[in-house]
Each structure stands twice: as C-alpha cells, then as structure tokens.
C-alpha cells in the first residue's frame, strides 16, 4: 500500500490549566505535522457543490444562503486544481449530491452507487405531529429560515440545480445521494478515509446524508480541506468567518484532520500516475 506524507493540521485539545482565569487557554491549539494518508484507502469527497443560478435569477435563494458567492469562488478557483491533482494521482474521487434531486441520475457513477447499495429502505417517522408542533414549524419557516417571501425563489432554483461546470463528475467517479450509497462505494473501492470539500462545513457536510456523522458511525475517518469549504455564517460571525473556524476545529476534534489545499494537491502531484 502506497502512502503520501502530507502536512496535516490537528488540534491539541489538552491540558486545561485551572490556575488560569480561563483554563482552556492552556490547550496546545492548532498544530501542524506531517502524517501519512494511504492512497488506495483515501477518497476526496466533493459534497453539495451546486450551481444555484445567479442573484438576478433567484434573489430569494441568495438572500438566505449568503455563502453562495464564496462557494462559487471555491468551485472556480480551488476545487479544479485539487480535483486535477487527485485524478492525475489516481486518488478516488466521490461526489455527494442533494437527496431527491434529478441532476445527477444519468451519471454512470450514480448508477454504480445505486446498484451497489440497492433499494433504500424508507425511514418511518415515529414522532406524532400535532397542531402546536405545526404552528411552531410555521413560525420557524416564517421568522427563522428562510422567510415566506424567499421560498418561491428557493423552490424555483432547486428545480434548476446542477453541478457547477468546473466540478462535474468525470468518468465513472462515484456519485452518492445517501449515506448507504456512499458506504457502498467505499466498501467496493476499499476506502476508509474521506477528505471532504464542499458546502457547508457546519451544515450539510456534517449532518446531511453522506456527511461526517453518518460516515463516522460506519467507522470512516472524516477530514476536510480548509480552503475548499465554507460555512453558514450569521450576522455576528460573517465578517471574520468565525463559524468556519469553529467548524474546522470540530472536524479536527471529532472526526479527523484538516488539510491545506496547496499541501494536499502538491503531494498528490508528486504521485502522478
């Protein structure tokens, strides 16, 4: 099995010093070292990379998903180089897509995932709804996210959703719309380490089907590429992208490691097959 030695960020989450006013300020914090990845056991994952149209086409969608411009910049300027390096090196590449969509169904990699995983077993919702729960849900939709005036644009935009041209699956790269399909691809290909890119690092990449929570439960290590992700930010965090920084710390603490795009791409290029 071949290995690459890749500069790798990790977070030293110890030791708290209770002699300090803030004990956690004694933690080691972010550190960087060189660690191996097993080339045949590792996959680069592009998750929820979408062409969401323009602000002029779907203004309501862009008003609530404020990271769309950042995702477009990453799809145009970061992911193409990373994908080129991965493909040239022979590293496995997977794409995780929006469940229930149609834009990916004609790709051979999706047909492979669908065949490997077999029919999905529908999940039965056990929670009994009532009028109060429905009222609370309506209030959230109206007053938290996304706002009634934005919903028509979101619905219209999602009907037109597609891969950005710059990150479309190539050849028979695996395309999964569920955790079961991604697991089936990994099992078939012998993958045990998933390095995530895409959107958003504190939302879909963690909790959506094919995200880190589900895949870690199956035993996979789940890492991320700092420059190839962005986060859902709020009014208080957007200027400094603080939510992204917290999410990357959580990845390093709970799921795997964090790589810089140039470091990972550079090491992959050294292995070009």
C-alpha atoms as a PDB file:
ATOM      1  CA  UNK A   1       0.000   0.000   0.000  1.00  0.00           C
ATOM      2  CA  UNK A   2       1.430   3.373  -1.023  1.00  0.00           C
ATOM      3  CA  UNK A   3       1.463   6.323   1.341  1.00  0.00           C
ATOM      4  CA  UNK A   4       1.742  10.061   0.892  1.00  0.00           C
ATOM      5  CA  UNK A   5       3.319  12.155   3.617  1.00  0.00           C
ATOM      6  CA  UNK A   6       1.069  15.210   3.839  1.00  0.00           C
ATOM      7  CA  UNK A   7       1.387  18.327   6.026  1.00  0.00           C
ATOM      8  CA  UNK A   8      -1.610  17.970   8.333  1.00  0.00           C
ATOM      9  CA  UNK A   9      -3.358  20.266  10.806  1.00  0.00           C
ATOM     10  CA  UNK A  10      -4.566  18.835  14.094  1.00  0.00           C
ATOM     11  CA  UNK A  11      -5.869  20.448  17.273  1.00  0.00           C
ATOM     12  CA  UNK A  12      -4.268  19.658  20.637  1.00  0.00           C
ATOM     13  CA  UNK A  13      -7.292  19.842  22.928  1.00  0.00           C
ATOM     14  CA  UNK A  14      -5.439  19.436  26.238  1.00  0.00           C
ATOM     15  CA  UNK A  15      -4.398  20.280  29.004  1.00  0.00           C
ATOM     16  CA  UNK A  16      -6.629  22.793  30.727  1.00  0.00           C
ATOM     17  CA  UNK A  17      -4.763  24.755  33.378  1.00  0.00           C
ATOM     18  CA  UNK A  18      -7.047  25.602  36.287  1.00  0.00           C
ATOM     19  CA  UNK A  19      -4.521  28.051  37.670  1.00  0.00           C
ATOM     20  CA  UNK A  20      -5.562  30.354  34.797  1.00  0.00           C
ATOM     21  CA  UNK A  21      -8.599  32.608  34.705  1.00  0.00           C
ATOM     22  CA  UNK A  22      -9.647  30.715  31.534  1.00  0.00           C
ATOM     23  CA  UNK A  23      -8.323  27.136  31.868  1.00  0.00           C
ATOM     24  CA  UNK A  24      -8.835  26.236  28.203  1.00  0.00           C
ATOM     25  CA  UNK A  25      -6.374  28.927  27.130  1.00  0.00           C
ATOM     26  CA  UNK A  26      -3.631  26.457  28.102  1.00  0.00           C
ATOM     27  CA  UNK A  27      -4.662  23.999  25.372  1.00  0.00           C
ATOM     28  CA  UNK A  28      -1.995  23.350  22.751  1.00  0.00           C
ATOM     29  CA  UNK A  29      -4.334  24.549  19.977  1.00  0.00           C
ATOM     30  CA  UNK A  30      -3.697  24.236  16.262  1.00  0.00           C
ATOM     31  CA  UNK A  31      -0.517  22.403  15.307  1.00  0.00           C
ATOM     32  CA  UNK A  32       0.850  21.110  12.024  1.00  0.00           C
ATOM     33  CA  UNK A  33       2.867  18.000  11.347  1.00  0.00           C
ATOM     34  CA  UNK A  34       3.454  15.524   8.532  1.00  0.00           C
ATOM     35  CA  UNK A  35       1.202  12.465   8.634  1.00  0.00           C
ATOM     36  CA  UNK A  36       0.510   9.693   6.129  1.00  0.00           C
ATOM     37  CA  UNK A  37      -2.528   9.053   4.009  1.00  0.00           C
ATOM     38  CA  UNK A  38      -2.958   5.657   2.369  1.00  0.00           C
ATOM     39  CA  UNK A  39      -3.572   6.482  -1.284  1.00  0.00           C
ATOM     40  CA  UNK A  40      -5.595   3.375  -2.077  1.00  0.00           C
ATOM     41  CA  UNK A  41      -7.761   3.824   1.028  1.00  0.00           C
ATOM     42  CA  UNK A  42      -8.489   7.557   0.770  1.00  0.00           C
ATOM     43  CA  UNK A  43     -11.095   9.444  -1.260  1.00  0.00           C
ATOM     44  CA  UNK A  44     -11.596  13.126  -1.967  1.00  0.00           C
ATOM     45  CA  UNK A  45     -15.286  13.941  -1.499  1.00  0.00           C
ATOM     46  CA  UNK A  46     -16.984  16.883  -3.220  1.00  0.00           C
ATOM     47  CA  UNK A  47     -20.262  17.360  -1.351  1.00  0.00           C
ATOM     48  CA  UNK A  48     -23.171  19.622  -2.248  1.00  0.00           C
ATOM     49  CA  UNK A  49     -21.276  21.661  -4.825  1.00  0.00           C
ATOM     50  CA  UNK A  50     -24.163  23.288  -6.652  1.00  0.00           C
ATOM     51  CA  UNK A  51     -24.842  25.767  -9.392  1.00  0.00           C
ATOM     52  CA  UNK A  52     -27.553  27.817  -7.681  1.00  0.00           C
ATOM     53  CA  UNK A  53     -28.036  30.273 -10.526  1.00  0.00           C
ATOM     54  CA  UNK A  54     -27.397  33.989 -10.268  1.00  0.00           C
ATOM     55  CA  UNK A  55     -28.649  36.526  -7.750  1.00  0.00           C
ATOM     56  CA  UNK A  56     -30.713  38.071 -10.535  1.00  0.00           C
ATOM     57  CA  UNK A  57     -32.383  34.740 -11.308  1.00  0.00           C
ATOM     58  CA  UNK A  58     -33.137  33.637  -7.735  1.00  0.00           C
ATOM     59  CA  UNK A  59     -32.700  36.603  -5.388  1.00  0.00           C
ATOM     60  CA  UNK A  60     -34.594  34.981  -2.510  1.00  0.00           C
ATOM     61  CA  UNK A  61     -32.287  31.959  -2.503  1.00  0.00           C
ATOM     62  CA  UNK A  62     -29.182  34.130  -2.458  1.00  0.00           C
ATOM     63  CA  UNK A  63     -30.633  36.313   0.317  1.00  0.00           C
ATOM     64  CA  UNK A  64     -30.794  33.378   2.746  1.00  0.00           C
ATOM     65  CA  UNK A  65     -27.826  31.283   1.566  1.00  0.00           C
ATOM     66  CA  UNK A  66     -25.265  34.034   1.903  1.00  0.00           C
ATOM     67  CA  UNK A  67     -22.313  31.725   1.278  1.00  0.00           C
ATOM     68  CA  UNK A  68     -23.254  31.052  -2.375  1.00  0.00           C
ATOM     69  CA  UNK A  69     -20.717  33.626  -3.676  1.00  0.00           C
ATOM     70  CA  UNK A  70     -17.988  32.030  -1.558  1.00  0.00           C
ATOM     71  CA  UNK A  71     -18.928  28.593  -2.844  1.00  0.00           C
ATOM     72  CA  UNK A  72     -18.722  29.853  -6.433  1.00  0.00           C
ATOM     73  CA  UNK A  73     -15.253  31.249  -5.759  1.00  0.00           C
ATOM     74  CA  UNK A  74     -14.120  27.910  -4.322  1.00  0.00           C
ATOM     75  CA  UNK A  75     -15.632  25.975  -7.235  1.00  0.00           C
ATOM     76  CA  UNK A  76     -13.872  28.268  -9.693  1.00  0.00           C
ATOM     77  CA  UNK A  77     -10.502  28.741  -8.032  1.00  0.00           C
ATOM     78  CA  UNK A  78      -9.794  25.956  -5.522  1.00  0.00           C
ATOM     79  CA  UNK A  79     -11.581  22.735  -6.409  1.00  0.00           C
ATOM     80  CA  UNK A  80     -10.476  22.449 -10.060  1.00  0.00           C
ATOM     81  CA  UNK A  81      -6.796  22.290  -9.121  1.00  0.00           C
ATOM     82  CA  UNK A  82      -7.454  19.898  -6.266  1.00  0.00           C
ATOM     83  CA  UNK A  83      -9.553  17.623  -8.458  1.00  0.00           C
ATOM     84  CA  UNK A  84      -6.967  17.689 -11.230  1.00  0.00           C
ATOM     85  CA  UNK A  85      -4.250  16.642  -8.792  1.00  0.00           C
ATOM     86  CA  UNK A  86      -6.419  13.895  -7.284  1.00  0.00           C
ATOM     87  CA  UNK A  87      -7.406  12.488 -10.668  1.00  0.00           C
ATOM     88  CA  UNK A  88      -3.858  12.591 -12.025  1.00  0.00           C
ATOM     89  CA  UNK A  89      -2.583  10.762  -8.938  1.00  0.00           C
ATOM     90  CA  UNK A  90      -5.240   8.058  -9.132  1.00  0.00           C
ATOM     91  CA  UNK A  91      -6.860   9.087  -5.844  1.00  0.00           C
ATOM     92  CA  UNK A  92     -10.519   8.087  -5.654  1.00  0.00           C
ATOM     93  CA  UNK A  93     -12.984  10.963  -6.083  1.00  0.00           C
ATOM     94  CA  UNK A  94     -16.611  10.870  -4.934  1.00  0.00           C
ATOM     95  CA  UNK A  95     -19.477  13.343  -5.288  1.00  0.00           C
ATOM     96  CA  UNK A  96     -22.285  13.594  -2.719  1.00  0.00           C
ATOM     97  CA  UNK A  97     -25.450  15.183  -4.080  1.00  0.00           C
ATOM     98  CA  UNK A  98     -28.743  16.603  -2.864  1.00  0.00           C
ATOM     99  CA  UNK A  99     -31.132  13.763  -1.993  1.00  0.00           C
ATOM    100  CA  UNK A 100     -34.203  13.636  -4.171  1.00  0.00           C
ATOM    101  CA  UNK A 101     -32.689  15.673  -6.980  1.00  0.00           C
ATOM    102  CA  UNK A 102     -32.548  14.648 -10.618  1.00  0.00           C
ATOM    103  CA  UNK A 103     -29.465  16.459 -11.923  1.00  0.00           C
ATOM    104  CA  UNK A 104     -27.120  13.549 -11.193  1.00  0.00           C
ATOM    105  CA  UNK A 105     -29.138  10.482 -12.158  1.00  0.00           C
ATOM    106  CA  UNK A 106     -27.679   9.993 -15.635  1.00  0.00           C
ATOM    107  CA  UNK A 107     -24.077   9.851 -14.432  1.00  0.00           C
ATOM    108  CA  UNK A 108     -22.515   6.354 -14.558  1.00  0.00           C
ATOM    109  CA  UNK A 109     -21.073   6.858 -11.071  1.00  0.00           C
ATOM    110  CA  UNK A 110     -24.577   7.333  -9.673  1.00  0.00           C
ATOM    111  CA  UNK A 111     -25.878   4.231 -11.414  1.00  0.00           C
ATOM    112  CA  UNK A 112     -22.977   2.299  -9.888  1.00  0.00           C
ATOM    113  CA  UNK A 113     -23.736   3.604  -6.380  1.00  0.00           C
ATOM    114  CA  UNK A 114     -27.444   2.892  -6.768  1.00  0.00           C
ATOM    115  CA  UNK A 115     -26.781  -0.645  -7.923  1.00  0.00           C
ATOM    116  CA  UNK A 116     -24.256  -1.348  -5.158  1.00  0.00           C
ATOM    117  CA  UNK A 117     -26.464  -0.017  -2.361  1.00  0.00           C
ATOM    118  CA  UNK A 118     -29.735  -1.467  -3.601  1.00  0.00           C
ATOM    119  CA  UNK A 119     -33.165  -0.014  -2.836  1.00  0.00           C
ATOM    120  CA  UNK A 120     -33.355   2.470   0.014  1.00  0.00           C
ATOM    121  CA  UNK A 121     -35.476   1.420   2.978  1.00  0.00           C
ATOM    122  CA  UNK A 122     -37.816   4.350   3.655  1.00  0.00           C
ATOM    123  CA  UNK A 123     -37.469   5.737   7.144  1.00  0.00           C
ATOM    124  CA  UNK A 124     -40.710   5.841   9.052  1.00  0.00           C
ATOM    125  CA  UNK A 125     -41.209   8.966  11.120  1.00  0.00           C
ATOM    126  CA  UNK A 126     -42.171   7.961  14.619  1.00  0.00           C
ATOM    127  CA  UNK A 127     -42.892  11.433  16.006  1.00  0.00           C
ATOM    128  CA  UNK A 128     -46.584  12.213  16.256  1.00  0.00           C
ATOM    129  CA  UNK A 129     -47.348  15.662  14.932  1.00  0.00           C
ATOM    130  CA  UNK A 130     -49.957  17.888  16.457  1.00  0.00           C
ATOM    131  CA  UNK A 131     -51.330  21.376  15.889  1.00  0.00           C
ATOM    132  CA  UNK A 132     -48.874  23.017  18.284  1.00  0.00           C
ATOM    133  CA  UNK A 133     -45.857  21.405  16.594  1.00  0.00           C
ATOM    134  CA  UNK A 134     -47.158  22.516  13.200  1.00  0.00           C
ATOM    135  CA  UNK A 135     -47.584  26.085  14.469  1.00  0.00           C
ATOM    136  CA  UNK A 136     -44.017  26.094  15.788  1.00  0.00           C
ATOM    137  CA  UNK A 137     -42.728  24.789  12.462  1.00  0.00           C
ATOM    138  CA  UNK A 138     -44.626  27.511  10.583  1.00  0.00           C
ATOM    139  CA  UNK A 139     -43.176  30.165  12.868  1.00  0.00           C
ATOM    140  CA  UNK A 140     -39.649  28.883  12.225  1.00  0.00           C
ATOM    141  CA  UNK A 141     -40.207  28.907   8.473  1.00  0.00           C
ATOM    142  CA  UNK A 142     -41.600  32.443   8.586  1.00  0.00           C
ATOM    143  CA  UNK A 143     -39.337  34.006  11.198  1.00  0.00           C
ATOM    144  CA  UNK A 144     -36.074  31.971  11.345  1.00  0.00           C
ATOM    145  CA  UNK A 145     -35.344  30.492   7.906  1.00  0.00           C
ATOM    146  CA  UNK A 146     -35.990  31.055   5.049  1.00  0.00           C
ATOM    147  CA  UNK A 147     -38.854  33.595   5.269  1.00  0.00           C
ATOM    148  CA  UNK A 148     -42.045  33.224   3.240  1.00  0.00           C
ATOM    149  CA  UNK A 149     -41.015  35.828   0.658  1.00  0.00           C
ATOM    150  CA  UNK A 150     -37.854  33.849  -0.199  1.00  0.00           C
ATOM    151  CA  UNK A 151     -39.398  30.386  -0.540  1.00  0.00           C
ATOM    152  CA  UNK A 152     -40.640  30.714  -4.156  1.00  0.00           C
ATOM    153  CA  UNK A 153     -37.146  31.564  -5.403  1.00  0.00           C
ATOM    154  CA  UNK A 154     -35.635  28.673  -3.444  1.00  0.00           C
ATOM    155  CA  UNK A 155     -38.156  26.231  -4.886  1.00  0.00           C
ATOM    156  CA  UNK A 156     -37.597  27.519  -8.414  1.00  0.00           C
ATOM    157  CA  UNK A 157     -33.833  27.489  -8.055  1.00  0.00           C
ATOM    158  CA  UNK A 158     -33.695  23.949  -6.703  1.00  0.00           C
ATOM    159  CA  UNK A 159     -35.637  22.745  -9.737  1.00  0.00           C
ATOM    160  CA  UNK A 160     -32.764  24.059 -11.903  1.00  0.00           C
ATOM    161  CA  UNK A 161     -29.948  22.825  -9.666  1.00  0.00           C
ATOM    162  CA  UNK A 162     -26.915  21.269 -11.311  1.00  0.00           C
ATOM    163  CA  UNK A 163     -23.232  20.614 -10.741  1.00  0.00           C
ATOM    164  CA  UNK A 164     -21.049  23.656 -11.421  1.00  0.00           C
ATOM    165  CA  UNK A 165     -19.310  23.109 -14.738  1.00  0.00           C
ATOM    166  CA  UNK A 166     -15.895  23.197 -13.068  1.00  0.00           C
ATOM    167  CA  UNK A 167     -16.593  20.313 -10.664  1.00  0.00           C
ATOM    168  CA  UNK A 168     -18.793  17.931 -12.639  1.00  0.00           C
ATOM    169  CA  UNK A 169     -18.065  14.242 -12.055  1.00  0.00           C
ATOM    170  CA  UNK A 170     -15.566  12.823 -14.510  1.00  0.00           C
ATOM    171  CA  UNK A 171     -15.824   9.363 -15.998  1.00  0.00           C
ATOM    172  CA  UNK A 172     -17.297   6.864 -13.576  1.00  0.00           C
ATOM    173  CA  UNK A 173     -16.455   8.734 -10.352  1.00  0.00           C
ATOM    174  CA  UNK A 174     -18.874   7.624  -7.672  1.00  0.00           C
ATOM    175  CA  UNK A 175     -21.966   9.780  -7.124  1.00  0.00           C
ATOM    176  CA  UNK A 176     -23.986   9.175  -3.949  1.00  0.00           C
ATOM    177  CA  UNK A 177     -27.240  10.709  -2.735  1.00  0.00           C
ATOM    178  CA  UNK A 178     -27.387   8.760   0.533  1.00  0.00           C
ATOM    179  CA  UNK A 179     -25.102   7.513   3.259  1.00  0.00           C
ATOM    180  CA  UNK A 180     -25.886   3.943   2.199  1.00  0.00           C
ATOM    181  CA  UNK A 181     -24.730   4.666  -1.347  1.00  0.00           C
ATOM    182  CA  UNK A 182     -21.532   6.372  -0.202  1.00  0.00           C
ATOM    183  CA  UNK A 183     -20.824   3.478   2.158  1.00  0.00           C
ATOM    184  CA  UNK A 184     -21.429   1.004  -0.685  1.00  0.00           C
ATOM    185  CA  UNK A 185     -18.978   2.844  -2.929  1.00  0.00           C
ATOM    186  CA  UNK A 186     -16.366   2.951  -0.167  1.00  0.00           C
ATOM    187  CA  UNK A 187     -16.799  -0.736   0.588  1.00  0.00           C
ATOM    188  CA  UNK A 188     -16.451  -1.637  -3.096  1.00  0.00           C
ATOM    189  CA  UNK A 189     -13.386   0.576  -3.549  1.00  0.00           C
ATOM    190  CA  UNK A 190     -11.679  -0.229  -0.237  1.00  0.00           C
ATOM    191  CA  UNK A 191     -11.908   3.338   1.119  1.00  0.00           C
ATOM    192  CA  UNK A 192     -11.661   4.114   4.846  1.00  0.00           C
ATOM    193  CA  UNK A 193     -10.673   7.826   4.926  1.00  0.00           C
ATOM    194  CA  UNK A 194     -12.886  10.538   3.402  1.00  0.00           C
ATOM    195  CA  UNK A 195     -11.468  14.024   2.838  1.00  0.00           C
ATOM    196  CA  UNK A 196     -14.396  16.403   2.442  1.00  0.00           C
ATOM    197  CA  UNK A 197     -14.727  19.526   0.356  1.00  0.00           C
ATOM    198  CA  UNK A 198     -17.900  21.458  -0.413  1.00  0.00           C
ATOM    199  CA  UNK A 199     -20.676  23.314   1.317  1.00  0.00           C
ATOM    200  CA  UNK A 200     -21.299  23.909   4.110  1.00  0.00           C
ATOM    201  CA  UNK A 201     -18.734  22.665   6.625  1.00  0.00           C
ATOM    202  CA  UNK A 202     -21.008  23.366   9.626  1.00  0.00           C
ATOM    203  CA  UNK A 203     -24.185  22.146   7.945  1.00  0.00           C
ATOM    204  CA  UNK A 204     -24.559  19.623   5.150  1.00  0.00           C
ATOM    205  CA  UNK A 205     -21.022  18.226   5.312  1.00  0.00           C
ATOM    206  CA  UNK A 206     -21.669  17.149   8.873  1.00  0.00           C
ATOM    207  CA  UNK A 207     -25.329  16.219   9.132  1.00  0.00           C
ATOM    208  CA  UNK A 208     -26.755  15.568   5.647  1.00  0.00           C
ATOM    209  CA  UNK A 209     -26.878  12.067   4.110  1.00  0.00           C
ATOM    210  CA  UNK A 210     -23.308  11.173   3.197  1.00  0.00           C
ATOM    211  CA  UNK A 211     -21.940  13.595   5.770  1.00  0.00           C
ATOM    212  CA  UNK A 212     -19.454  13.073   8.571  1.00  0.00           C
ATOM    213  CA  UNK A 213     -21.869  11.997  11.307  1.00  0.00           C
ATOM    214  CA  UNK A 214     -23.272   9.088   9.318  1.00  0.00           C
ATOM    215  CA  UNK A 215     -19.940   8.037   7.846  1.00  0.00           C
ATOM    216  CA  UNK A 216     -18.061   8.179  11.141  1.00  0.00           C
ATOM    217  CA  UNK A 217     -20.680   5.880  12.630  1.00  0.00           C
ATOM    218  CA  UNK A 218     -19.668   3.356   9.964  1.00  0.00           C
ATOM    219  CA  UNK A 219     -16.027   3.665  11.029  1.00  0.00           C
ATOM    220  CA  UNK A 220     -14.620   6.105   8.468  1.00  0.00           C
ATOM    221  CA  UNK A 221     -12.168   8.853   9.308  1.00  0.00           C
ATOM    222  CA  UNK A 222     -13.568  12.144   8.020  1.00  0.00           C
ATOM    223  CA  UNK A 223     -11.277  15.086   7.291  1.00  0.00           C
ATOM    224  CA  UNK A 224     -11.639  18.405   5.455  1.00  0.00           C
ATOM    225  CA  UNK A 225      -9.698  20.791   3.224  1.00  0.00           C
ATOM    226  CA  UNK A 226      -9.652  24.277   4.745  1.00  0.00           C
ATOM    227  CA  UNK A 227      -9.656  26.318   1.517  1.00  0.00           C
ATOM    228  CA  UNK A 228     -12.202  24.041  -0.189  1.00  0.00           C
ATOM    229  CA  UNK A 229     -15.052  24.543   2.294  1.00  0.00           C
ATOM    230  CA  UNK A 230     -17.096  27.426   3.593  1.00  0.00           C
ATOM    231  CA  UNK A 231     -19.645  27.722   6.379  1.00  0.00           C
ATOM    232  CA  UNK A 232     -23.102  29.028   7.133  1.00  0.00           C
ATOM    233  CA  UNK A 233     -22.355  32.319   8.832  1.00  0.00           C
ATOM    234  CA  UNK A 234     -24.643  34.603  10.814  1.00  0.00           C
ATOM    235  CA  UNK A 235     -24.823  38.345  11.405  1.00  0.00           C
ATOM    236  CA  UNK A 236     -22.274  38.159  14.191  1.00  0.00           C
ATOM    237  CA  UNK A 237     -19.773  35.787  12.522  1.00  0.00           C
ATOM    238  CA  UNK A 238     -19.871  36.612   8.809  1.00  0.00           C
ATOM    239  CA  UNK A 239     -17.216  39.333   8.690  1.00  0.00           C
ATOM    240  CA  UNK A 240     -14.445  37.117  10.114  1.00  0.00           C
ATOM    241  CA  UNK A 241     -15.975  33.763   9.024  1.00  0.00           C
ATOM    242  CA  UNK A 242     -15.831  32.679  12.646  1.00  0.00           C
ATOM    243  CA  UNK A 243     -18.348  29.876  12.131  1.00  0.00           C
ATOM    244  CA  UNK A 244     -15.986  28.265   9.618  1.00  0.00           C
ATOM    245  CA  UNK A 245     -13.108  28.387  12.071  1.00  0.00           C
ATOM    246  CA  UNK A 246     -15.205  26.756  14.796  1.00  0.00           C
ATOM    247  CA  UNK A 247     -16.419  24.081  12.375  1.00  0.00           C
ATOM    248  CA  UNK A 248     -12.861  23.212  11.310  1.00  0.00           C
ATOM    249  CA  UNK A 249     -11.889  22.868  14.980  1.00  0.00           C
ATOM    250  CA  UNK A 250     -14.833  20.487  15.428  1.00  0.00           C
ATOM    251  CA  UNK A 251     -13.674  18.431  12.442  1.00  0.00           C
ATOM    252  CA  UNK A 252     -10.180  18.199  13.930  1.00  0.00           C
ATOM    253  CA  UNK A 253     -11.550  17.340  17.380  1.00  0.00           C
ATOM    254  CA  UNK A 254     -14.329  14.911  16.489  1.00  0.00           C
ATOM    255  CA  UNK A 255     -13.800  13.444  13.021  1.00  0.00           C
ATOM    256  CA  UNK A 256     -10.314  13.599  11.505  1.00  0.00           C
ATOM    257  CA  UNK A 257      -7.808  16.179  10.296  1.00  0.00           C
ATOM    258  CA  UNK A 258      -7.647  19.438   8.335  1.00  0.00           C
ATOM    259  CA  UNK A 259      -5.504  19.866   5.218  1.00  0.00           C
ATOM    260  CA  UNK A 260      -4.457  22.936   3.271  1.00  0.00           C
ATOM    261  CA  UNK A 261      -5.408  22.663  -0.390  1.00  0.00           C
ATOM    262  CA  UNK A 262      -1.928  23.506  -1.682  1.00  0.00           C
ATOM    263  CA  UNK A 263      -0.287  20.975   0.629  1.00  0.00           C
ATOM    264  CA  UNK A 264      -2.634  18.171  -0.370  1.00  0.00           C
ATOM    265  CA  UNK A 265      -2.554  18.988  -4.085  1.00  0.00           C
ATOM    266  CA  UNK A 266       1.216  19.293  -4.053  1.00  0.00           C
ATOM    267  CA  UNK A 267       1.709  15.875  -2.510  1.00  0.00           C
ATOM    268  CA  UNK A 268      -0.823  14.349  -4.889  1.00  0.00           C
ATOM    269  CA  UNK A 269       1.014  15.813  -7.871  1.00  0.00           C
ATOM    270  CA  UNK A 270       4.182  14.129  -6.674  1.00  0.00           C
ATOM    271  CA  UNK A 271       2.377  10.817  -7.179  1.00  0.00           C
ATOM    272  CA  UNK A 272       1.001  11.488 -10.668  1.00  0.00           C
ATOM    273  CA  UNK A 273       0.459   8.153 -12.367  1.00  0.00           C
END
